Amino acid sequence: MHDIIAFLFSEMTTPDRADRARAAWELYRDTHGGEVEVKDLIADLMHLADVDDVPGGGVYAARRGAADYTAELPAWLPEKPVHRGAYLAQTRPTGQPWITVDGGADRHAVAEKLLSGMHRVGFRIADIPGHVADLTSGRTLTSEQGHEFRVISNPDASS
């Protein structure tokens, strides 16, 4: 509750909060030759929390960070996420709108971006290669609970 109250009375916007992290991100990126993504820094910070014995470890830190991030979203919502590439990996829970997970130029690589989500909703690991082939060929896959996955052509991709 204290976090929500602190957020409500904070005048920091998402760009303000991003600026707080920018110096650390730039140092991390430059140290690793620019071949990293923000997710790599996040994963390494989780490992740091484990090694430094932060109460709850990296998983707790990530969950808490994600909760704080979600609570702070109303301060600066993006108009529409931009997904680049010729193909989009999408998923949706039963009866919900499609959510774009990621995009890319290679249909097979884009399909593979759905694997962890498919596994979480009950698709068996042993069947995954066949499911990737199905997604690559344009099929929509549905879990036993009705959660759907698909790879489509990106309607915003330039021809």
C-alpha atoms as a PDB file:
ATOM      1  CA  MET A   1       0.000   0.000   0.000  1.00  0.00           C
ATOM      2  CA  HIS A   2       2.852   2.365   0.856  1.00  0.00           C
ATOM      3  CA  ASP A   3       4.253   1.928  -2.683  1.00  0.00           C
ATOM      4  CA  ILE A   4       0.950   2.908  -4.282  1.00  0.00           C
ATOM      5  CA  ILE A   5       0.692   6.006  -2.106  1.00  0.00           C
ATOM      6  CA  ALA A   6       4.295   6.972  -2.890  1.00  0.00           C
ATOM      7  CA  PHE A   7       3.611   6.528  -6.592  1.00  0.00           C
ATOM      8  CA  LEU A   8       0.426   8.600  -6.510  1.00  0.00           C
ATOM      9  CA  PHE A   9       2.262  11.497  -4.923  1.00  0.00           C
ATOM     10  CA  SER A  10       5.356  11.220  -7.123  1.00  0.00           C
ATOM     11  CA  GLU A  11       5.752  13.697  -9.925  1.00  0.00           C
ATOM     12  CA  MET A  12       8.144  11.442 -11.835  1.00  0.00           C
ATOM     13  CA  THR A  13       7.082  10.367 -15.301  1.00  0.00           C
ATOM     14  CA  THR A  14       8.241   7.278 -17.153  1.00  0.00           C
ATOM     15  CA  PRO A  15      10.884   9.321 -19.016  1.00  0.00           C
ATOM     16  CA  ASP A  16      12.128  10.612 -15.623  1.00  0.00           C
ATOM     17  CA  ARG A  17      12.371   7.071 -14.309  1.00  0.00           C
ATOM     18  CA  ALA A  18      14.127   5.916 -17.493  1.00  0.00           C
ATOM     19  CA  ASP A  19      16.677   8.689 -17.132  1.00  0.00           C
ATOM     20  CA  ARG A  20      17.566   7.360 -13.677  1.00  0.00           C
ATOM     21  CA  ALA A  21      18.549   4.034 -15.276  1.00  0.00           C
ATOM     22  CA  ARG A  22      20.139   5.381 -18.475  1.00  0.00           C
ATOM     23  CA  ALA A  23      23.689   5.818 -17.106  1.00  0.00           C
ATOM     24  CA  ALA A  24      23.767   2.249 -15.768  1.00  0.00           C
ATOM     25  CA  TRP A  25      22.359   0.893 -19.037  1.00  0.00           C
ATOM     26  CA  GLU A  26      24.863   2.805 -21.178  1.00  0.00           C
ATOM     27  CA  LEU A  27      27.791   1.633 -19.038  1.00  0.00           C
ATOM     28  CA  TYR A  28      26.552  -1.987 -19.198  1.00  0.00           C
ATOM     29  CA  ARG A  29      25.986  -1.819 -22.975  1.00  0.00           C
ATOM     30  CA  ASP A  30      29.368  -0.201 -23.641  1.00  0.00           C
ATOM     31  CA  THR A  31      31.136  -2.751 -21.425  1.00  0.00           C
ATOM     32  CA  HIS A  32      29.677  -5.594 -23.496  1.00  0.00           C
ATOM     33  CA  GLY A  33      30.351  -4.054 -26.902  1.00  0.00           C
ATOM     34  CA  GLY A  34      26.782  -3.051 -27.664  1.00  0.00           C
ATOM     35  CA  GLU A  35      25.782  -6.678 -28.293  1.00  0.00           C
ATOM     36  CA  VAL A  36      23.261  -6.776 -25.445  1.00  0.00           C
ATOM     37  CA  GLU A  37      19.641  -5.869 -24.849  1.00  0.00           C
ATOM     38  CA  VAL A  38      17.940  -4.382 -21.802  1.00  0.00           C
ATOM     39  CA  LYS A  39      16.648  -7.858 -20.927  1.00  0.00           C
ATOM     40  CA  ASP A  40      20.266  -8.997 -20.518  1.00  0.00           C
ATOM     41  CA  LEU A  41      20.902  -6.290 -17.932  1.00  0.00           C
ATOM     42  CA  ILE A  42      17.700  -7.269 -16.122  1.00  0.00           C
ATOM     43  CA  ALA A  43      18.757 -10.940 -16.031  1.00  0.00           C
ATOM     44  CA  ASP A  44      22.215 -10.005 -14.765  1.00  0.00           C
ATOM     45  CA  LEU A  45      20.678  -7.824 -12.051  1.00  0.00           C
ATOM     46  CA  MET A  46      18.600 -10.842 -10.995  1.00  0.00           C
ATOM     47  CA  HIS A  47      21.812 -12.896 -10.744  1.00  0.00           C
ATOM     48  CA  LEU A  48      23.359 -10.067  -8.712  1.00  0.00           C
ATOM     49  CA  ALA A  49      20.419 -10.189  -6.298  1.00  0.00           C
ATOM     50  CA  ASP A  50      20.988 -13.955  -5.899  1.00  0.00           C
ATOM     51  CA  VAL A  51      24.751 -13.666  -5.369  1.00  0.00           C
ATOM     52  CA  ASP A  52      24.479 -10.700  -2.993  1.00  0.00           C
ATOM     53  CA  ASP A  53      21.855 -12.512  -0.902  1.00  0.00           C
ATOM     54  CA  VAL A  54      19.110  -9.940  -1.451  1.00  0.00           C
ATOM     55  CA  PRO A  55      16.107 -11.212   0.551  1.00  0.00           C
ATOM     56  CA  GLY A  56      14.008 -13.267  -1.873  1.00  0.00           C
ATOM     57  CA  GLY A  57      16.780 -13.275  -4.468  1.00  0.00           C
ATOM     58  CA  GLY A  58      16.531 -12.424  -8.131  1.00  0.00           C
ATOM     59  CA  VAL A  59      13.048 -13.819  -8.621  1.00  0.00           C
ATOM     60  CA  TYR A  60      11.664 -11.637  -5.826  1.00  0.00           C
ATOM     61  CA  ALA A  61      13.507  -8.582  -7.173  1.00  0.00           C
ATOM     62  CA  ALA A  62      12.128  -9.195 -10.677  1.00  0.00           C
ATOM     63  CA  ARG A  63       8.563  -9.735  -9.458  1.00  0.00           C
ATOM     64  CA  ARG A  64       8.738  -6.643  -7.282  1.00  0.00           C
ATOM     65  CA  GLY A  65      10.261  -4.623 -10.121  1.00  0.00           C
ATOM     66  CA  ALA A  66       7.566  -5.811 -12.537  1.00  0.00           C
ATOM     67  CA  ALA A  67       4.848  -4.910 -10.024  1.00  0.00           C
ATOM     68  CA  ASP A  68       6.333  -1.444  -9.526  1.00  0.00           C
ATOM     69  CA  TYR A  69       6.670  -0.977 -13.281  1.00  0.00           C
ATOM     70  CA  THR A  70       3.042  -1.972 -13.854  1.00  0.00           C
ATOM     71  CA  ALA A  71       1.861   0.393 -11.118  1.00  0.00           C
ATOM     72  CA  GLU A  72       3.831   3.210 -12.732  1.00  0.00           C
ATOM     73  CA  LEU A  73       2.521   2.672 -16.280  1.00  0.00           C
ATOM     74  CA  PRO A  74      -0.354   5.130 -15.993  1.00  0.00           C
ATOM     75  CA  ALA A  75       2.263   7.894 -15.694  1.00  0.00           C
ATOM     76  CA  TRP A  76       3.240   7.471 -19.343  1.00  0.00           C
ATOM     77  CA  LEU A  77       1.358   4.994 -21.516  1.00  0.00           C
ATOM     78  CA  PRO A  78       2.675   4.485 -25.043  1.00  0.00           C
ATOM     79  CA  GLU A  79       0.196   5.172 -27.819  1.00  0.00           C
ATOM     80  CA  LYS A  80       0.806   1.931 -29.701  1.00  0.00           C
ATOM     81  CA  PRO A  81       3.692  -0.523 -29.434  1.00  0.00           C
ATOM     82  CA  VAL A  82       5.764  -0.839 -32.588  1.00  0.00           C
ATOM     83  CA  HIS A  83       6.777  -4.313 -33.722  1.00  0.00           C
ATOM     84  CA  ARG A  84       9.265  -4.531 -36.541  1.00  0.00           C
ATOM     85  CA  GLY A  85       9.756  -7.290 -39.041  1.00  0.00           C
ATOM     86  CA  ALA A  86       7.765  -9.073 -41.684  1.00  0.00           C
ATOM     87  CA  TYR A  87       6.108 -11.437 -39.161  1.00  0.00           C
ATOM     88  CA  LEU A  88       4.467 -11.108 -35.752  1.00  0.00           C
ATOM     89  CA  ALA A  89       4.249 -13.709 -32.970  1.00  0.00           C
ATOM     90  CA  GLN A  90       0.865 -13.359 -31.279  1.00  0.00           C
ATOM     91  CA  THR A  91      -1.053 -14.981 -28.439  1.00  0.00           C
ATOM     92  CA  ARG A  92      -4.378 -14.516 -26.725  1.00  0.00           C
ATOM     93  CA  PRO A  93      -6.163 -15.997 -23.753  1.00  0.00           C
ATOM     94  CA  THR A  94      -9.646 -17.335 -24.431  1.00  0.00           C
ATOM     95  CA  GLY A  95     -11.977 -14.565 -25.573  1.00  0.00           C
ATOM     96  CA  GLN A  96      -9.352 -11.819 -25.359  1.00  0.00           C
ATOM     97  CA  PRO A  97      -7.791  -9.687 -28.110  1.00  0.00           C
ATOM     98  CA  TRP A  98      -4.550 -10.784 -29.752  1.00  0.00           C
ATOM     99  CA  ILE A  99      -1.336  -9.651 -28.040  1.00  0.00           C
ATOM    100  CA  THR A 100       1.796  -9.237 -30.139  1.00  0.00           C
ATOM    101  CA  VAL A 101       4.739 -10.810 -28.321  1.00  0.00           C
ATOM    102  CA  ASP A 102       7.463  -9.881 -30.806  1.00  0.00           C
ATOM    103  CA  GLY A 103       8.263  -9.529 -34.475  1.00  0.00           C
ATOM    104  CA  GLY A 104      11.018 -10.452 -36.874  1.00  0.00           C
ATOM    105  CA  ALA A 105      12.104 -11.139 -40.423  1.00  0.00           C
ATOM    106  CA  ASP A 106      12.230 -14.942 -40.207  1.00  0.00           C
ATOM    107  CA  ARG A 107       8.902 -16.750 -39.700  1.00  0.00           C
ATOM    108  CA  HIS A 108      10.538 -19.741 -37.961  1.00  0.00           C
ATOM    109  CA  ALA A 109      12.504 -17.531 -35.522  1.00  0.00           C
ATOM    110  CA  VAL A 110       9.347 -15.537 -34.771  1.00  0.00           C
ATOM    111  CA  ALA A 111       7.423 -18.768 -34.067  1.00  0.00           C
ATOM    112  CA  GLU A 112      10.113 -19.821 -31.600  1.00  0.00           C
ATOM    113  CA  LYS A 113       9.427 -16.660 -29.574  1.00  0.00           C
ATOM    114  CA  LEU A 114       6.111 -18.233 -28.534  1.00  0.00           C
ATOM    115  CA  LEU A 115       7.633 -21.426 -27.091  1.00  0.00           C
ATOM    116  CA  SER A 116       7.875 -20.470 -23.417  1.00  0.00           C
ATOM    117  CA  GLY A 117       4.293 -19.234 -23.403  1.00  0.00           C
ATOM    118  CA  MET A 118       3.116 -22.397 -25.120  1.00  0.00           C
ATOM    119  CA  HIS A 119       4.903 -24.533 -22.562  1.00  0.00           C
ATOM    120  CA  ARG A 120       3.339 -22.546 -19.689  1.00  0.00           C
ATOM    121  CA  VAL A 121      -0.192 -23.250 -20.926  1.00  0.00           C
ATOM    122  CA  GLY A 122       0.336 -26.975 -21.355  1.00  0.00           C
ATOM    123  CA  PHE A 123       1.964 -27.680 -24.700  1.00  0.00           C
ATOM    124  CA  ARG A 124       4.426 -30.553 -24.221  1.00  0.00           C
ATOM    125  CA  ILE A 125       8.108 -29.874 -24.829  1.00  0.00           C
ATOM    126  CA  ALA A 126       8.422 -33.054 -26.893  1.00  0.00           C
ATOM    127  CA  ASP A 127       5.804 -31.713 -29.336  1.00  0.00           C
ATOM    128  CA  ILE A 128       7.327 -28.247 -29.705  1.00  0.00           C
ATOM    129  CA  PRO A 129       9.261 -28.850 -32.979  1.00  0.00           C
ATOM    130  CA  GLY A 130       6.023 -29.887 -34.663  1.00  0.00           C
ATOM    131  CA  HIS A 131       4.202 -26.902 -33.198  1.00  0.00           C
ATOM    132  CA  VAL A 132       6.856 -24.528 -34.519  1.00  0.00           C
ATOM    133  CA  ALA A 133       6.394 -26.067 -37.961  1.00  0.00           C
ATOM    134  CA  ASP A 134       2.611 -25.599 -37.634  1.00  0.00           C
ATOM    135  CA  LEU A 135       3.011 -21.952 -36.607  1.00  0.00           C
ATOM    136  CA  THR A 136       5.504 -21.373 -39.426  1.00  0.00           C
ATOM    137  CA  SER A 137       2.995 -22.738 -41.940  1.00  0.00           C
ATOM    138  CA  GLY A 138       0.349 -20.267 -40.748  1.00  0.00           C
ATOM    139  CA  ARG A 139      -1.747 -22.437 -38.422  1.00  0.00           C
ATOM    140  CA  THR A 140      -3.230 -21.127 -35.187  1.00  0.00           C
ATOM    141  CA  LEU A 141      -2.588 -23.445 -32.230  1.00  0.00           C
ATOM    142  CA  THR A 142      -4.959 -23.694 -29.266  1.00  0.00           C
ATOM    143  CA  SER A 143      -4.159 -25.140 -25.827  1.00  0.00           C
ATOM    144  CA  GLU A 144      -6.638 -27.327 -23.953  1.00  0.00           C
ATOM    145  CA  GLN A 145      -7.590 -24.219 -21.949  1.00  0.00           C
ATOM    146  CA  GLY A 146      -8.307 -22.242 -25.141  1.00  0.00           C
ATOM    147  CA  HIS A 147      -5.135 -20.100 -25.175  1.00  0.00           C
ATOM    148  CA  GLU A 148      -4.211 -19.403 -28.819  1.00  0.00           C
ATOM    149  CA  PHE A 149      -0.884 -18.816 -30.586  1.00  0.00           C
ATOM    150  CA  ARG A 150      -0.142 -17.737 -34.151  1.00  0.00           C
ATOM    151  CA  VAL A 151       2.425 -16.150 -36.461  1.00  0.00           C
ATOM    152  CA  ILE A 152       1.043 -13.648 -38.969  1.00  0.00           C
ATOM    153  CA  SER A 153       2.389 -11.280 -41.588  1.00  0.00           C
ATOM    154  CA  ASN A 154       2.973  -7.854 -40.072  1.00  0.00           C
ATOM    155  CA  PRO A 155       0.328  -5.532 -41.546  1.00  0.00           C
ATOM    156  CA  ASP A 156       2.586  -2.539 -40.745  1.00  0.00           C
ATOM    157  CA  ALA A 157       5.666  -3.966 -42.488  1.00  0.00           C
ATOM    158  CA  SER A 158       6.734  -2.057 -45.548  1.00  0.00           C
ATOM    159  CA  SER A 159       6.510  -4.049 -48.742  1.00  0.00           C
END
